[in-house]
Amino acid sequence: MSNPTPPPLPDQPADEAARAAQPPSAATAPEPTRPAYDPATDPDDTGVPQSLTDDAQEVGRGFMRALFDLSFRTFITRRLASVFYLVGLIAIGIGFLVYFIGGILNGVSALWYNPGGGIALIVATVVLVPIATLLLIIALRFVIEGVVALIAIAENTERTAEHTRR
């Protein structure tokens, strides 16, 4: 089996080709300054500020607009991911406490009528409950990261589609 030949390299690097394709006036003109962020002109209208000088009230209005957007063109998941993660961590923490304390108490009460079973229940609780809790935290993080990644892909795809419609 013969090795395939690599594709030929371009004659010039991409940045040189881009400069050569620009009109001479564009190459010498200074770069324009970026205007201040305006949530009303933002194509994805998430309300997330692009600069530190944005008004918090504008961000709140953008969020409320996105929350009641019936066309689902704006996404709120990325801004709420940390809230979902915190709520999930609290729920997992409460579950950990309930199962850990319950397992220890059941193990201690079982010591009176079945010492071997009580010791086994205590050891199993001390070993298995923290492992299960750690696995649940990892699974929660994976799910939230996956959803956020899908939303980011959708947002980037929309921006790319808008830029290619020219």
N, C-alpha and C. Protein backbone atom coordinates (compact mmCIF):
# COMPACT_ATOMS: atom_id res chain seq x y z
N MET A 1 0.85 -1.16 0.00
CA MET A 1 0.00 0.00 0.00
C MET A 1 0.90 1.23 0.00
N SER A 2 0.68 2.13 -0.92
CA SER A 2 1.54 3.31 -1.03
C SER A 2 1.00 4.44 -0.18
N ASN A 3 1.89 5.28 0.29
CA ASN A 3 1.49 6.44 1.09
C ASN A 3 0.86 7.48 0.19
N PRO A 4 -0.29 8.03 0.58
CA PRO A 4 -0.89 9.07 -0.25
C PRO A 4 -0.04 10.33 -0.20
N THR A 5 -0.02 11.06 -1.27
CA THR A 5 0.76 12.30 -1.31
C THR A 5 -0.03 13.39 -0.60
N PRO A 6 0.64 14.22 0.17
CA PRO A 6 -0.07 15.30 0.87
C PRO A 6 -0.56 16.34 -0.13
N PRO A 7 -1.60 17.07 0.24
CA PRO A 7 -2.10 18.09 -0.68
C PRO A 7 -1.07 19.20 -0.81
N PRO A 8 -1.08 19.91 -1.92
CA PRO A 8 -0.08 20.98 -2.10
C PRO A 8 -0.36 22.13 -1.14
N LEU A 9 0.71 22.78 -0.73
CA LEU A 9 0.59 23.93 0.16
C LEU A 9 0.22 25.17 -0.66
N PRO A 10 -0.52 26.12 -0.05
CA PRO A 10 -0.87 27.34 -0.79
C PRO A 10 0.38 28.17 -1.06
N ASP A 11 0.26 29.06 -2.04
CA ASP A 11 1.40 29.90 -2.42
C ASP A 11 1.77 30.89 -1.33
N GLN A 12 0.80 31.35 -0.55
CA GLN A 12 1.08 32.34 0.49
C GLN A 12 0.21 32.05 1.71
N PRO A 13 0.64 32.53 2.89
CA PRO A 13 -0.16 32.31 4.10
C PRO A 13 -1.51 33.03 4.00
N ALA A 14 -2.45 32.61 4.78
CA ALA A 14 -3.81 33.14 4.73
C ALA A 14 -3.86 34.63 5.06
N ASP A 15 -3.05 35.09 6.04
CA ASP A 15 -3.11 36.51 6.39
C ASP A 15 -2.60 37.39 5.26
N GLU A 16 -1.59 36.91 4.53
CA GLU A 16 -1.09 37.69 3.38
C GLU A 16 -2.13 37.71 2.26
N ALA A 17 -2.79 36.58 2.04
CA ALA A 17 -3.82 36.53 1.00
C ALA A 17 -4.99 37.45 1.35
N ALA A 18 -5.35 37.52 2.64
CA ALA A 18 -6.44 38.41 3.05
C ALA A 18 -6.06 39.87 2.87
N ARG A 19 -4.81 40.22 3.20
CA ARG A 19 -4.37 41.61 3.01
C ARG A 19 -4.33 41.96 1.53
N ALA A 20 -3.92 41.01 0.70
CA ALA A 20 -3.85 41.28 -0.73
C ALA A 20 -5.24 41.42 -1.34
N ALA A 21 -6.22 40.76 -0.76
CA ALA A 21 -7.59 40.84 -1.29
C ALA A 21 -8.29 42.13 -0.90
N GLN A 22 -7.81 42.84 0.13
CA GLN A 22 -8.44 44.08 0.56
C GLN A 22 -8.05 45.21 -0.39
N PRO A 23 -8.97 46.16 -0.58
CA PRO A 23 -8.61 47.34 -1.36
C PRO A 23 -7.53 48.14 -0.63
N PRO A 24 -6.70 48.87 -1.34
CA PRO A 24 -5.60 49.60 -0.69
C PRO A 24 -6.10 50.57 0.38
N SER A 25 -7.25 51.18 0.19
CA SER A 25 -7.72 52.14 1.19
C SER A 25 -8.09 51.44 2.48
N ALA A 26 -8.60 50.22 2.40
CA ALA A 26 -8.98 49.49 3.60
C ALA A 26 -7.76 49.03 4.38
N ALA A 27 -6.67 48.73 3.68
CA ALA A 27 -5.46 48.25 4.35
C ALA A 27 -4.79 49.36 5.14
N THR A 28 -4.92 50.63 4.69
CA THR A 28 -4.23 51.71 5.37
C THR A 28 -5.13 52.46 6.34
N ALA A 29 -6.44 52.22 6.29
CA ALA A 29 -7.36 52.93 7.18
C ALA A 29 -7.22 52.40 8.60
N PRO A 30 -7.32 53.30 9.57
CA PRO A 30 -7.24 52.82 10.95
C PRO A 30 -8.49 52.02 11.31
N GLU A 31 -8.32 51.11 12.25
CA GLU A 31 -9.45 50.28 12.66
C GLU A 31 -10.46 51.13 13.42
N PRO A 32 -11.75 50.94 13.13
CA PRO A 32 -12.75 51.73 13.85
C PRO A 32 -12.87 51.27 15.30
N THR A 33 -13.26 52.18 16.17
CA THR A 33 -13.45 51.82 17.57
C THR A 33 -14.77 51.09 17.71
N ARG A 34 -14.84 50.19 18.66
CA ARG A 34 -16.06 49.42 18.87
C ARG A 34 -17.08 50.27 19.60
N PRO A 35 -18.31 50.28 19.11
CA PRO A 35 -19.34 51.03 19.84
C PRO A 35 -19.70 50.32 21.14
N ALA A 36 -20.32 51.05 22.03
CA ALA A 36 -20.75 50.46 23.30
C ALA A 36 -21.77 49.37 23.03
N TYR A 37 -21.80 48.40 23.91
CA TYR A 37 -22.72 47.27 23.76
C TYR A 37 -24.16 47.75 23.92
N ASP A 38 -25.01 47.36 22.97
CA ASP A 38 -26.42 47.69 23.02
C ASP A 38 -27.21 46.39 22.95
N PRO A 39 -27.87 45.97 24.04
CA PRO A 39 -28.59 44.69 24.03
C PRO A 39 -29.68 44.63 22.96
N ALA A 40 -30.23 45.77 22.59
CA ALA A 40 -31.30 45.76 21.59
C ALA A 40 -30.79 45.36 20.21
N THR A 41 -29.51 45.58 19.93
CA THR A 41 -28.96 45.23 18.62
C THR A 41 -28.21 43.90 18.64
N ASP A 42 -28.15 43.27 19.78
CA ASP A 42 -27.45 41.99 19.90
C ASP A 42 -28.23 40.92 19.15
N PRO A 43 -27.59 40.18 18.21
CA PRO A 43 -28.35 39.21 17.41
C PRO A 43 -28.93 38.07 18.24
N ASP A 44 -28.27 37.67 19.33
CA ASP A 44 -28.84 36.57 20.11
C ASP A 44 -29.63 37.07 21.31
N ASP A 45 -29.55 38.37 21.61
CA ASP A 45 -30.38 39.02 22.61
C ASP A 45 -30.38 38.27 23.94
N THR A 46 -29.22 37.79 24.37
CA THR A 46 -29.17 37.09 25.65
C THR A 46 -29.12 38.06 26.81
N GLY A 47 -28.75 39.30 26.55
CA GLY A 47 -28.65 40.26 27.62
C GLY A 47 -27.36 40.17 28.39
N VAL A 48 -26.46 39.30 27.98
CA VAL A 48 -25.18 39.18 28.66
C VAL A 48 -24.30 40.34 28.19
N PRO A 49 -23.81 41.16 29.11
CA PRO A 49 -23.04 42.33 28.70
C PRO A 49 -21.71 41.95 28.09
N GLN A 50 -21.29 42.71 27.09
CA GLN A 50 -20.00 42.49 26.45
C GLN A 50 -18.93 43.37 27.07
N SER A 51 -19.33 44.36 27.85
CA SER A 51 -18.37 45.22 28.52
C SER A 51 -18.79 45.36 29.97
N LEU A 52 -17.90 45.90 30.78
CA LEU A 52 -18.19 46.04 32.20
C LEU A 52 -19.01 47.28 32.51
N THR A 53 -19.27 48.12 31.52
CA THR A 53 -19.99 49.36 31.77
C THR A 53 -21.48 49.25 31.52
N ASP A 54 -21.99 48.07 31.18
CA ASP A 54 -23.41 47.92 30.90
C ASP A 54 -24.24 48.04 32.16
N ASP A 55 -25.44 48.52 31.97
CA ASP A 55 -26.35 48.71 33.08
C ASP A 55 -26.98 47.38 33.47
N ALA A 56 -27.02 47.07 34.76
CA ALA A 56 -27.58 45.80 35.22
C ALA A 56 -29.06 45.71 34.90
N GLN A 57 -29.73 46.84 34.85
CA GLN A 57 -31.16 46.83 34.54
C GLN A 57 -31.39 46.36 33.10
N GLU A 58 -30.52 46.76 32.19
CA GLU A 58 -30.65 46.30 30.81
C GLU A 58 -30.47 44.79 30.71
N VAL A 59 -29.56 44.25 31.50
CA VAL A 59 -29.35 42.80 31.50
C VAL A 59 -30.61 42.10 31.98
N GLY A 60 -31.23 42.63 33.03
CA GLY A 60 -32.46 42.04 33.55
C GLY A 60 -33.59 42.08 32.53
N ARG A 61 -33.72 43.19 31.81
CA ARG A 61 -34.76 43.28 30.79
C ARG A 61 -34.50 42.30 29.66
N GLY A 62 -33.24 42.12 29.27
CA GLY A 62 -32.90 41.15 28.24
C GLY A 62 -33.23 39.73 28.67
N PHE A 63 -33.02 39.45 29.96
CA PHE A 63 -33.33 38.13 30.48
C PHE A 63 -34.83 37.89 30.46
N MET A 64 -35.60 38.88 30.90
CA MET A 64 -37.06 38.71 30.92
C MET A 64 -37.61 38.58 29.50
N ARG A 65 -37.04 39.33 28.56
CA ARG A 65 -37.45 39.18 27.16
C ARG A 65 -37.14 37.78 26.66
N ALA A 66 -35.95 37.27 27.00
CA ALA A 66 -35.57 35.94 26.56
C ALA A 66 -36.43 34.87 27.23
N LEU A 67 -36.82 35.10 28.47
CA LEU A 67 -37.62 34.12 29.20
C LEU A 67 -38.99 33.93 28.56
N PHE A 68 -39.56 35.00 28.05
CA PHE A 68 -40.89 34.92 27.45
C PHE A 68 -40.86 34.97 25.93
N ASP A 69 -39.74 34.61 25.32
CA ASP A 69 -39.61 34.56 23.87
C ASP A 69 -40.26 33.27 23.38
N LEU A 70 -41.42 33.39 22.78
CA LEU A 70 -42.17 32.20 22.35
C LEU A 70 -41.57 31.53 21.11
N SER A 71 -40.69 32.22 20.40
CA SER A 71 -40.07 31.62 19.21
C SER A 71 -38.80 30.83 19.56
N PHE A 72 -38.35 30.91 20.81
CA PHE A 72 -37.14 30.22 21.28
C PHE A 72 -35.91 30.58 20.44
N ARG A 73 -35.81 31.82 20.04
CA ARG A 73 -34.62 32.27 19.32
C ARG A 73 -33.53 32.73 20.29
N THR A 74 -33.89 32.97 21.52
CA THR A 74 -32.90 33.35 22.53
C THR A 74 -32.80 32.25 23.58
N PHE A 75 -31.61 32.07 24.10
CA PHE A 75 -31.36 31.00 25.05
C PHE A 75 -31.06 31.58 26.43
N ILE A 76 -31.65 31.00 27.45
CA ILE A 76 -31.36 31.43 28.82
C ILE A 76 -30.59 30.36 29.59
N THR A 77 -30.42 29.21 28.97
CA THR A 77 -29.80 28.08 29.67
C THR A 77 -28.39 28.38 30.12
N ARG A 78 -27.62 29.09 29.31
CA ARG A 78 -26.23 29.35 29.68
C ARG A 78 -26.15 30.22 30.92
N ARG A 79 -27.09 31.15 31.06
CA ARG A 79 -27.06 32.02 32.24
C ARG A 79 -27.61 31.30 33.47
N LEU A 80 -28.45 30.30 33.27
CA LEU A 80 -29.03 29.60 34.41
C LEU A 80 -28.28 28.32 34.77
N ALA A 81 -27.26 27.97 34.02
CA ALA A 81 -26.54 26.72 34.28
C ALA A 81 -25.95 26.69 35.68
N SER A 82 -25.39 27.79 36.13
CA SER A 82 -24.80 27.81 37.47
C SER A 82 -25.87 27.66 38.54
N VAL A 83 -27.06 28.22 38.29
CA VAL A 83 -28.16 28.07 39.25
C VAL A 83 -28.60 26.60 39.31
N PHE A 84 -28.76 25.97 38.14
CA PHE A 84 -29.13 24.55 38.10
C PHE A 84 -28.07 23.69 38.80
N TYR A 85 -26.82 24.01 38.58
CA TYR A 85 -25.74 23.25 39.20
C TYR A 85 -25.78 23.40 40.72
N LEU A 86 -25.98 24.63 41.19
CA LEU A 86 -26.05 24.86 42.63
C LEU A 86 -27.24 24.13 43.25
N VAL A 87 -28.39 24.19 42.62
CA VAL A 87 -29.58 23.48 43.13
C VAL A 87 -29.33 21.97 43.13
N GLY A 88 -28.70 21.46 42.07
CA GLY A 88 -28.38 20.04 42.02
C GLY A 88 -27.40 19.63 43.10
N LEU A 89 -26.39 20.47 43.35
CA LEU A 89 -25.43 20.17 44.41
C LEU A 89 -26.11 20.17 45.79
N ILE A 90 -27.02 21.10 46.00
CA ILE A 90 -27.74 21.14 47.28
C ILE A 90 -28.59 19.88 47.43
N ALA A 91 -29.29 19.47 46.36
CA ALA A 91 -30.12 18.26 46.42
C ALA A 91 -29.25 17.03 46.68
N ILE A 92 -28.11 16.94 46.01
CA ILE A 92 -27.22 15.80 46.23
C ILE A 92 -26.67 15.83 47.65
N GLY A 93 -26.34 17.03 48.16
CA GLY A 93 -25.85 17.14 49.53
C GLY A 93 -26.89 16.71 50.56
N ILE A 94 -28.15 17.10 50.33
CA ILE A 94 -29.22 16.67 51.25
C ILE A 94 -29.39 15.15 51.18
N GLY A 95 -29.37 14.61 49.96
CA GLY A 95 -29.46 13.15 49.81
C GLY A 95 -28.31 12.44 50.50
N PHE A 96 -27.10 13.00 50.38
CA PHE A 96 -25.94 12.41 51.06
C PHE A 96 -26.17 12.36 52.57
N LEU A 97 -26.60 13.48 53.14
CA LEU A 97 -26.82 13.52 54.58
C LEU A 97 -27.90 12.53 55.02
N VAL A 98 -29.00 12.48 54.27
CA VAL A 98 -30.10 11.57 54.62
C VAL A 98 -29.63 10.12 54.59
N TYR A 99 -28.99 9.71 53.50
CA TYR A 99 -28.56 8.31 53.38
C TYR A 99 -27.41 7.99 54.33
N PHE A 100 -26.49 8.93 54.52
CA PHE A 100 -25.35 8.65 55.40
C PHE A 100 -25.80 8.52 56.85
N ILE A 101 -26.56 9.50 57.32
CA ILE A 101 -27.02 9.44 58.71
C ILE A 101 -28.00 8.29 58.90
N GLY A 102 -28.90 8.10 57.93
CA GLY A 102 -29.84 6.97 58.02
C GLY A 102 -29.14 5.63 58.04
N GLY A 103 -28.13 5.47 57.21
CA GLY A 103 -27.38 4.21 57.17
C GLY A 103 -26.62 3.94 58.46
N ILE A 104 -26.01 4.99 59.01
CA ILE A 104 -25.28 4.83 60.28
C ILE A 104 -26.26 4.46 61.40
N LEU A 105 -27.39 5.19 61.47
CA LEU A 105 -28.37 4.91 62.53
C LEU A 105 -28.96 3.51 62.38
N ASN A 106 -29.27 3.10 61.15
CA ASN A 106 -29.78 1.74 60.93
C ASN A 106 -28.73 0.69 61.29
N GLY A 107 -27.47 0.98 60.96
CA GLY A 107 -26.40 0.05 61.31
C GLY A 107 -26.23 -0.08 62.81
N VAL A 108 -26.31 1.05 63.54
CA VAL A 108 -26.19 1.01 65.00
C VAL A 108 -27.36 0.26 65.61
N SER A 109 -28.58 0.51 65.08
CA SER A 109 -29.74 -0.21 65.64
C SER A 109 -29.68 -1.70 65.30
N ALA A 110 -29.08 -2.06 64.18
CA ALA A 110 -28.98 -3.48 63.82
C ALA A 110 -27.92 -4.20 64.65
N LEU A 111 -27.01 -3.44 65.26
CA LEU A 111 -25.98 -4.07 66.11
C LEU A 111 -26.58 -4.84 67.28
N TRP A 112 -27.77 -4.46 67.76
CA TRP A 112 -28.37 -5.08 68.93
C TRP A 112 -28.87 -6.49 68.65
N TYR A 113 -29.40 -6.72 67.47
CA TYR A 113 -29.93 -8.06 67.18
C TYR A 113 -29.11 -8.82 66.16
N ASN A 114 -28.22 -8.16 65.42
CA ASN A 114 -27.37 -8.83 64.44
C ASN A 114 -26.07 -8.04 64.34
N PRO A 115 -25.09 -8.30 65.20
CA PRO A 115 -23.86 -7.49 65.22
C PRO A 115 -23.10 -7.50 63.89
N GLY A 116 -23.01 -8.63 63.24
CA GLY A 116 -22.30 -8.70 61.96
C GLY A 116 -22.99 -7.88 60.88
N GLY A 117 -24.32 -7.97 60.83
CA GLY A 117 -25.09 -7.19 59.84
C GLY A 117 -25.01 -5.71 60.11
N GLY A 118 -25.01 -5.33 61.39
CA GLY A 118 -24.91 -3.91 61.74
C GLY A 118 -23.57 -3.32 61.34
N ILE A 119 -22.48 -4.09 61.61
CA ILE A 119 -21.15 -3.62 61.23
C ILE A 119 -21.04 -3.52 59.71
N ALA A 120 -21.58 -4.50 59.00
CA ALA A 120 -21.54 -4.48 57.53
C ALA A 120 -22.32 -3.28 56.99
N LEU A 121 -23.47 -2.98 57.61
CA LEU A 121 -24.27 -1.84 57.16
C LEU A 121 -23.54 -0.52 57.41
N ILE A 122 -22.88 -0.40 58.53
CA ILE A 122 -22.13 0.83 58.82
C ILE A 122 -20.97 0.99 57.85
N VAL A 123 -20.21 -0.09 57.61
CA VAL A 123 -19.07 -0.03 56.69
C VAL A 123 -19.55 0.27 55.26
N ALA A 124 -20.63 -0.38 54.85
CA ALA A 124 -21.16 -0.14 53.51
C ALA A 124 -21.62 1.31 53.37
N THR A 125 -22.24 1.84 54.40
CA THR A 125 -22.69 3.23 54.36
C THR A 125 -21.51 4.19 54.26
N VAL A 126 -20.49 3.96 55.06
CA VAL A 126 -19.32 4.85 55.06
C VAL A 126 -18.57 4.78 53.73
N VAL A 127 -18.59 3.65 53.06
CA VAL A 127 -17.86 3.50 51.79
C VAL A 127 -18.72 3.87 50.59
N LEU A 128 -19.93 3.33 50.52
CA LEU A 128 -20.73 3.46 49.30
C LEU A 128 -21.43 4.80 49.14
N VAL A 129 -21.90 5.39 50.21
CA VAL A 129 -22.64 6.66 50.10
C VAL A 129 -21.73 7.78 49.56
N PRO A 130 -20.50 7.96 50.06
CA PRO A 130 -19.65 9.00 49.47
C PRO A 130 -19.29 8.72 48.00
N ILE A 131 -19.08 7.46 47.65
CA ILE A 131 -18.77 7.13 46.25
C ILE A 131 -19.96 7.44 45.36
N ALA A 132 -21.16 7.05 45.79
CA ALA A 132 -22.36 7.34 45.01
C ALA A 132 -22.58 8.85 44.88
N THR A 133 -22.30 9.58 45.95
CA THR A 133 -22.45 11.04 45.91
C THR A 133 -21.48 11.65 44.92
N LEU A 134 -20.24 11.21 44.93
CA LEU A 134 -19.25 11.72 43.99
C LEU A 134 -19.67 11.42 42.54
N LEU A 135 -20.15 10.21 42.29
CA LEU A 135 -20.59 9.85 40.94
C LEU A 135 -21.80 10.70 40.50
N LEU A 136 -22.69 10.99 41.42
CA LEU A 136 -23.84 11.85 41.09
C LEU A 136 -23.41 13.27 40.77
N ILE A 137 -22.44 13.79 41.50
CA ILE A 137 -21.93 15.14 41.22
C ILE A 137 -21.27 15.17 39.84
N ILE A 138 -20.50 14.14 39.52
CA ILE A 138 -19.85 14.08 38.20
C ILE A 138 -20.91 13.99 37.11
N ALA A 139 -21.93 13.16 37.30
CA ALA A 139 -22.99 13.02 36.29
C ALA A 139 -23.75 14.33 36.11
N LEU A 140 -24.04 15.03 37.21
CA LEU A 140 -24.73 16.32 37.11
C LEU A 140 -23.89 17.31 36.33
N ARG A 141 -22.60 17.35 36.60
CA ARG A 141 -21.72 18.27 35.88
C ARG A 141 -21.67 17.92 34.39
N PHE A 142 -21.57 16.64 34.06
CA PHE A 142 -21.55 16.22 32.66
C PHE A 142 -22.82 16.66 31.93
N VAL A 143 -23.97 16.45 32.56
CA VAL A 143 -25.24 16.79 31.91
C VAL A 143 -25.33 18.30 31.68
N ILE A 144 -24.99 19.08 32.71
CA ILE A 144 -25.09 20.54 32.55
C ILE A 144 -24.08 21.04 31.53
N GLU A 145 -22.86 20.53 31.54
CA GLU A 145 -21.87 20.93 30.54
C GLU A 145 -22.32 20.54 29.13
N GLY A 146 -22.94 19.38 29.00
CA GLY A 146 -23.43 18.95 27.69
C GLY A 146 -24.52 19.87 27.17
N VAL A 147 -25.45 20.25 28.03
CA VAL A 147 -26.53 21.15 27.61
C VAL A 147 -25.95 22.52 27.24
N VAL A 148 -25.04 23.03 28.06
CA VAL A 148 -24.43 24.33 27.77
C VAL A 148 -23.64 24.27 26.46
N ALA A 149 -22.95 23.18 26.23
CA ALA A 149 -22.20 23.04 24.97
C ALA A 149 -23.14 23.00 23.77
N LEU A 150 -24.27 22.32 23.89
CA LEU A 150 -25.24 22.29 22.79
C LEU A 150 -25.81 23.67 22.52
N ILE A 151 -26.09 24.43 23.57
CA ILE A 151 -26.61 25.78 23.40
C ILE A 151 -25.54 26.66 22.75
N ALA A 152 -24.30 26.52 23.17
CA ALA A 152 -23.21 27.30 22.57
C ALA A 152 -23.06 26.96 21.09
N ILE A 153 -23.18 25.69 20.75
CA ILE A 153 -23.10 25.28 19.34
C ILE A 153 -24.24 25.91 18.55
N ALA A 154 -25.44 25.90 19.12
CA ALA A 154 -26.59 26.49 18.43
C ALA A 154 -26.40 27.99 18.24
N GLU A 155 -25.89 28.69 19.26
CA GLU A 155 -25.66 30.12 19.13
C GLU A 155 -24.60 30.41 18.08
N ASN A 156 -23.51 29.66 18.10
CA ASN A 156 -22.45 29.89 17.12
C ASN A 156 -22.91 29.55 15.71
N THR A 157 -23.72 28.52 15.57
CA THR A 157 -24.24 28.16 14.25
C THR A 157 -25.14 29.27 13.72
N GLU A 158 -25.95 29.84 14.60
CA GLU A 158 -26.83 30.94 14.18
C GLU A 158 -26.01 32.14 13.73
N ARG A 159 -24.97 32.48 14.50
CA ARG A 159 -24.11 33.61 14.10
C ARG A 159 -23.42 33.33 12.77
N THR A 160 -22.95 32.11 12.58
CA THR A 160 -22.31 31.75 11.32
C THR A 160 -23.29 31.85 10.16
N ALA A 161 -24.51 31.39 10.38
CA ALA A 161 -25.52 31.47 9.32
C ALA A 161 -25.85 32.91 9.00
N GLU A 162 -25.90 33.78 10.00
CA GLU A 162 -26.18 35.20 9.74
C GLU A 162 -25.05 35.83 8.93
N HIS A 163 -23.82 35.46 9.19
CA HIS A 163 -22.70 36.05 8.48
C HIS A 163 -22.55 35.51 7.06
N THR A 164 -23.10 34.35 6.78
CA THR A 164 -22.97 33.77 5.43
C THR A 164 -24.16 34.09 4.55
N ARG A 165 -25.16 34.81 5.03
CA ARG A 165 -26.34 35.13 4.22
C ARG A 165 -26.12 36.31 3.31
N ARG A 166 -24.98 36.88 3.25
CA ARG A 166 -24.72 38.07 2.43
C ARG A 166 -24.87 37.84 0.98
